[in-house]
Amino acid sequence: GGSDLGDNAGSVLSDIQQSRRFLQVGVGLSTQYDATVIANVERHAMALRSDMLAVISGFTEEEIEAEDGRARLSGALRETINARLVSLEGFGGIEDVFFRTFVLQ
């Protein structure tokens, strides 16, 4: 199963560390588990959005533009989202964070 991270949390605009540019991403999530995981994501969309902004703003422009930048950002977001879900619901379950849109502006 896959899901866009709710309408509220699906698109995130964040400033970047030591940069005057912004990164706008449309985030999707995938899980092999049941709809409970996606329901948990939707229930906690505001907290997850806040967590994602914190992760993105911790990256520098150079890190984002590096060859493995998207993969590293995706992995950091997955870890953060799962950690939040574990703390709130006792279970994470997100296997992949993918970018529907990825615009550095």
N, C-alpha and C. Protein backbone atom coordinates (compact mmCIF):
# COMPACT_ATOMS: atom_id res chain seq x y z
N GLY A 1 0.82 -1.19 0.00
CA GLY A 1 0.00 0.00 0.00
C GLY A 1 0.86 1.24 0.00
N GLY A 2 0.36 2.30 -0.59
CA GLY A 2 1.09 3.57 -0.59
C GLY A 2 0.13 4.68 -0.25
N SER A 3 0.64 5.77 0.19
CA SER A 3 -0.23 6.88 0.56
C SER A 3 0.50 8.20 0.40
N ASP A 4 -0.23 9.19 -0.04
CA ASP A 4 0.27 10.54 0.08
C ASP A 4 0.06 10.91 1.53
N LEU A 5 0.95 11.71 2.05
CA LEU A 5 0.88 12.03 3.47
C LEU A 5 -0.20 13.06 3.72
N GLY A 6 -1.45 12.66 3.54
CA GLY A 6 -2.58 13.56 3.78
C GLY A 6 -2.48 14.82 2.95
N ASP A 7 -3.54 15.55 2.80
CA ASP A 7 -3.48 16.79 2.02
C ASP A 7 -2.68 17.84 2.77
N ASN A 8 -2.79 17.83 4.11
CA ASN A 8 -2.12 18.86 4.89
C ASN A 8 -0.61 18.67 4.89
N ALA A 9 -0.20 17.42 5.09
CA ALA A 9 1.22 17.17 5.30
C ALA A 9 1.95 16.78 4.02
N GLY A 10 1.22 16.57 2.94
CA GLY A 10 1.83 16.01 1.74
C GLY A 10 2.87 16.90 1.10
N SER A 11 2.68 18.20 1.19
CA SER A 11 3.64 19.12 0.57
C SER A 11 4.28 19.96 1.66
N VAL A 12 5.60 19.99 1.66
CA VAL A 12 6.33 20.68 2.72
C VAL A 12 7.31 21.66 2.09
N LEU A 13 7.27 22.88 2.56
CA LEU A 13 8.23 23.91 2.13
C LEU A 13 9.11 24.23 3.33
N SER A 14 10.42 24.07 3.16
CA SER A 14 11.32 24.28 4.29
C SER A 14 12.51 25.13 3.87
N ASP A 15 12.98 25.92 4.81
CA ASP A 15 14.26 26.59 4.56
C ASP A 15 15.36 25.56 4.74
N ILE A 16 16.54 25.88 4.26
CA ILE A 16 17.67 24.97 4.29
C ILE A 16 18.77 25.61 5.11
N GLN A 17 19.51 24.78 5.81
CA GLN A 17 20.59 25.27 6.66
C GLN A 17 21.61 26.07 5.84
N GLN A 18 22.00 27.23 6.35
CA GLN A 18 23.04 28.08 5.73
C GLN A 18 22.76 28.37 4.26
N SER A 19 21.50 28.62 3.92
CA SER A 19 21.15 28.89 2.53
C SER A 19 19.99 29.86 2.48
N ARG A 20 19.89 30.60 1.39
CA ARG A 20 18.74 31.49 1.21
C ARG A 20 17.68 30.81 0.35
N ARG A 21 17.93 29.56 -0.02
CA ARG A 21 16.99 28.84 -0.85
C ARG A 21 16.04 27.99 0.01
N PHE A 22 15.00 27.52 -0.63
CA PHE A 22 13.99 26.69 0.03
C PHE A 22 13.86 25.39 -0.72
N LEU A 23 13.48 24.35 0.00
CA LEU A 23 13.19 23.08 -0.63
C LEU A 23 11.71 22.80 -0.47
N GLN A 24 11.04 22.56 -1.58
CA GLN A 24 9.63 22.17 -1.54
C GLN A 24 9.53 20.73 -2.00
N VAL A 25 8.97 19.89 -1.15
CA VAL A 25 8.82 18.48 -1.51
C VAL A 25 7.37 18.05 -1.33
N GLY A 26 6.93 17.19 -2.23
CA GLY A 26 5.67 16.48 -2.05
C GLY A 26 6.04 15.08 -1.62
N VAL A 27 5.59 14.67 -0.46
CA VAL A 27 6.04 13.43 0.16
C VAL A 27 4.96 12.36 0.06
N GLY A 28 5.39 11.16 -0.34
CA GLY A 28 4.51 9.99 -0.29
C GLY A 28 5.15 8.94 0.58
N LEU A 29 4.33 8.06 1.15
CA LEU A 29 4.83 7.02 2.04
C LEU A 29 4.34 5.67 1.56
N SER A 30 5.15 4.64 1.76
CA SER A 30 4.68 3.30 1.45
C SER A 30 4.89 2.38 2.65
N THR A 31 3.98 1.43 2.78
CA THR A 31 4.03 0.44 3.86
C THR A 31 3.50 -0.87 3.33
N GLN A 32 4.03 -1.98 3.85
CA GLN A 32 3.48 -3.29 3.49
C GLN A 32 2.43 -3.72 4.50
N TYR A 33 2.24 -2.90 5.52
CA TYR A 33 1.28 -3.26 6.56
C TYR A 33 -0.11 -2.78 6.17
N ASP A 34 -1.05 -2.94 7.10
CA ASP A 34 -2.43 -2.61 6.75
C ASP A 34 -2.72 -1.12 6.88
N ALA A 35 -3.96 -0.78 6.67
CA ALA A 35 -4.38 0.62 6.64
C ALA A 35 -4.20 1.31 7.98
N THR A 36 -3.98 0.55 9.05
CA THR A 36 -3.77 1.16 10.37
C THR A 36 -2.58 2.12 10.34
N VAL A 37 -1.53 1.73 9.63
CA VAL A 37 -0.32 2.57 9.57
C VAL A 37 -0.66 3.91 8.93
N ILE A 38 -1.39 3.86 7.80
CA ILE A 38 -1.76 5.10 7.11
C ILE A 38 -2.72 5.93 7.96
N ALA A 39 -3.63 5.25 8.66
CA ALA A 39 -4.54 5.97 9.58
C ALA A 39 -3.75 6.68 10.67
N ASN A 40 -2.71 6.01 11.19
CA ASN A 40 -1.86 6.62 12.22
C ASN A 40 -1.15 7.84 11.65
N VAL A 41 -0.66 7.72 10.42
CA VAL A 41 0.02 8.84 9.77
C VAL A 41 -0.95 10.02 9.65
N GLU A 42 -2.17 9.74 9.21
CA GLU A 42 -3.13 10.83 9.03
C GLU A 42 -3.52 11.44 10.36
N ARG A 43 -3.65 10.60 11.39
CA ARG A 43 -4.04 11.10 12.72
C ARG A 43 -2.99 12.05 13.28
N HIS A 44 -1.73 11.77 12.97
CA HIS A 44 -0.64 12.56 13.55
C HIS A 44 0.05 13.43 12.50
N ALA A 45 -0.68 13.80 11.46
CA ALA A 45 -0.09 14.53 10.33
C ALA A 45 0.62 15.81 10.77
N MET A 46 0.05 16.54 11.71
CA MET A 46 0.66 17.81 12.12
C MET A 46 2.02 17.58 12.79
N ALA A 47 2.09 16.60 13.68
CA ALA A 47 3.36 16.29 14.36
C ALA A 47 4.39 15.80 13.34
N LEU A 48 3.94 14.96 12.41
CA LEU A 48 4.86 14.42 11.41
C LEU A 48 5.37 15.53 10.49
N ARG A 49 4.49 16.45 10.15
CA ARG A 49 4.89 17.57 9.30
C ARG A 49 5.97 18.40 10.01
N SER A 50 5.75 18.65 11.28
CA SER A 50 6.72 19.40 12.09
C SER A 50 8.06 18.67 12.13
N ASP A 51 8.01 17.36 12.33
CA ASP A 51 9.24 16.55 12.36
C ASP A 51 9.96 16.63 11.01
N MET A 52 9.20 16.54 9.92
CA MET A 52 9.80 16.58 8.58
C MET A 52 10.48 17.91 8.32
N LEU A 53 9.83 18.99 8.74
CA LEU A 53 10.43 20.31 8.57
C LEU A 53 11.76 20.39 9.32
N ALA A 54 11.79 19.84 10.53
CA ALA A 54 13.02 19.86 11.32
C ALA A 54 14.13 19.09 10.62
N VAL A 55 13.79 17.95 10.04
CA VAL A 55 14.80 17.14 9.33
C VAL A 55 15.32 17.89 8.12
N ILE A 56 14.41 18.41 7.30
CA ILE A 56 14.82 19.07 6.05
C ILE A 56 15.67 20.30 6.35
N SER A 57 15.26 21.07 7.35
CA SER A 57 15.99 22.31 7.65
C SER A 57 17.37 22.03 8.23
N GLY A 58 17.61 20.77 8.65
CA GLY A 58 18.92 20.40 9.17
C GLY A 58 19.91 20.03 8.07
N PHE A 59 19.41 19.88 6.84
CA PHE A 59 20.28 19.56 5.71
C PHE A 59 20.82 20.85 5.09
N THR A 60 22.03 20.79 4.57
CA THR A 60 22.57 21.94 3.84
C THR A 60 22.25 21.77 2.36
N GLU A 61 22.39 22.86 1.62
CA GLU A 61 22.16 22.84 0.18
C GLU A 61 23.09 21.81 -0.48
N GLU A 62 24.34 21.77 -0.05
CA GLU A 62 25.31 20.84 -0.63
C GLU A 62 24.89 19.40 -0.38
N GLU A 63 24.40 19.12 0.82
CA GLU A 63 23.96 17.76 1.14
C GLU A 63 22.77 17.35 0.27
N ILE A 64 21.85 18.28 0.08
CA ILE A 64 20.65 17.99 -0.72
C ILE A 64 21.01 17.76 -2.18
N GLU A 65 21.96 18.56 -2.69
CA GLU A 65 22.30 18.48 -4.11
C GLU A 65 23.33 17.40 -4.41
N ALA A 66 23.89 16.76 -3.37
CA ALA A 66 24.85 15.67 -3.58
C ALA A 66 24.16 14.52 -4.30
N GLU A 67 24.97 13.65 -4.90
CA GLU A 67 24.43 12.56 -5.70
C GLU A 67 23.45 11.69 -4.91
N ASP A 68 23.78 11.45 -3.63
CA ASP A 68 22.90 10.61 -2.81
C ASP A 68 22.01 11.45 -1.89
N GLY A 69 21.89 12.75 -2.21
CA GLY A 69 21.16 13.66 -1.33
C GLY A 69 19.72 13.28 -1.10
N ARG A 70 19.01 12.95 -2.17
CA ARG A 70 17.61 12.58 -2.03
C ARG A 70 17.45 11.31 -1.21
N ALA A 71 18.34 10.33 -1.47
CA ALA A 71 18.26 9.06 -0.74
C ALA A 71 18.53 9.28 0.75
N ARG A 72 19.51 10.12 1.05
CA ARG A 72 19.82 10.38 2.47
C ARG A 72 18.68 11.13 3.15
N LEU A 73 18.09 12.09 2.44
CA LEU A 73 16.96 12.83 3.00
C LEU A 73 15.77 11.90 3.20
N SER A 74 15.50 11.07 2.22
CA SER A 74 14.41 10.10 2.31
C SER A 74 14.60 9.18 3.52
N GLY A 75 15.83 8.68 3.70
CA GLY A 75 16.11 7.80 4.84
C GLY A 75 15.95 8.50 6.17
N ALA A 76 16.41 9.74 6.23
CA ALA A 76 16.28 10.51 7.48
C ALA A 76 14.80 10.77 7.80
N LEU A 77 14.02 11.07 6.76
CA LEU A 77 12.58 11.30 6.97
C LEU A 77 11.89 10.01 7.42
N ARG A 78 12.25 8.89 6.81
CA ARG A 78 11.64 7.60 7.18
C ARG A 78 11.92 7.30 8.65
N GLU A 79 13.18 7.47 9.07
CA GLU A 79 13.55 7.19 10.46
C GLU A 79 12.77 8.08 11.43
N THR A 80 12.66 9.36 11.07
CA THR A 80 11.97 10.32 11.94
C THR A 80 10.48 10.02 12.03
N ILE A 81 9.88 9.73 10.89
CA ILE A 81 8.43 9.42 10.87
C ILE A 81 8.16 8.15 11.69
N ASN A 82 8.97 7.11 11.48
CA ASN A 82 8.77 5.87 12.23
C ASN A 82 8.98 6.08 13.73
N ALA A 83 9.99 6.87 14.09
CA ALA A 83 10.24 7.12 15.52
C ALA A 83 9.05 7.82 16.16
N ARG A 84 8.47 8.79 15.44
CA ARG A 84 7.30 9.49 15.96
C ARG A 84 6.11 8.54 16.08
N LEU A 85 5.89 7.71 15.08
CA LEU A 85 4.77 6.77 15.12
C LEU A 85 4.95 5.75 16.25
N VAL A 86 6.19 5.28 16.44
CA VAL A 86 6.45 4.34 17.53
C VAL A 86 6.15 4.99 18.88
N SER A 87 6.57 6.25 19.04
CA SER A 87 6.35 6.91 20.33
C SER A 87 4.87 7.17 20.60
N LEU A 88 4.09 7.40 19.54
CA LEU A 88 2.67 7.72 19.71
C LEU A 88 1.77 6.49 19.66
N GLU A 89 2.12 5.52 18.82
CA GLU A 89 1.22 4.39 18.57
C GLU A 89 1.86 3.03 18.89
N GLY A 90 3.16 3.03 19.22
CA GLY A 90 3.83 1.78 19.53
C GLY A 90 4.31 1.01 18.31
N PHE A 91 4.11 1.58 17.12
CA PHE A 91 4.48 0.89 15.88
C PHE A 91 4.72 1.90 14.77
N GLY A 92 5.79 1.68 13.99
CA GLY A 92 6.09 2.57 12.87
C GLY A 92 5.46 2.06 11.59
N GLY A 93 6.22 1.24 10.86
CA GLY A 93 5.65 0.56 9.70
C GLY A 93 5.88 1.23 8.36
N ILE A 94 6.46 2.43 8.35
CA ILE A 94 6.73 3.10 7.07
C ILE A 94 8.03 2.53 6.50
N GLU A 95 7.95 2.00 5.28
CA GLU A 95 9.13 1.39 4.68
C GLU A 95 9.85 2.30 3.71
N ASP A 96 9.11 3.21 3.10
CA ASP A 96 9.77 4.08 2.13
C ASP A 96 9.11 5.45 2.15
N VAL A 97 9.95 6.47 2.05
CA VAL A 97 9.48 7.83 1.86
C VAL A 97 9.95 8.22 0.47
N PHE A 98 9.01 8.61 -0.39
CA PHE A 98 9.39 8.98 -1.74
C PHE A 98 8.92 10.40 -2.03
N PHE A 99 9.54 11.02 -3.02
CA PHE A 99 9.23 12.40 -3.35
C PHE A 99 8.46 12.46 -4.66
N ARG A 100 7.22 12.89 -4.60
CA ARG A 100 6.44 13.11 -5.82
C ARG A 100 6.94 14.36 -6.51
N THR A 101 7.31 15.35 -5.70
CA THR A 101 7.92 16.58 -6.23
C THR A 101 9.12 16.91 -5.38
N PHE A 102 10.10 17.55 -5.98
CA PHE A 102 11.34 17.87 -5.27
C PHE A 102 11.91 19.11 -5.97
N VAL A 103 11.65 20.28 -5.40
CA VAL A 103 12.03 21.53 -6.05
C VAL A 103 12.87 22.38 -5.11
N LEU A 104 14.09 22.65 -5.54
CA LEU A 104 14.97 23.56 -4.78
C LEU A 104 14.82 24.91 -5.43
N GLN A 105 14.36 25.90 -4.64
CA GLN A 105 14.08 27.20 -5.25
C GLN A 105 14.76 28.34 -4.51
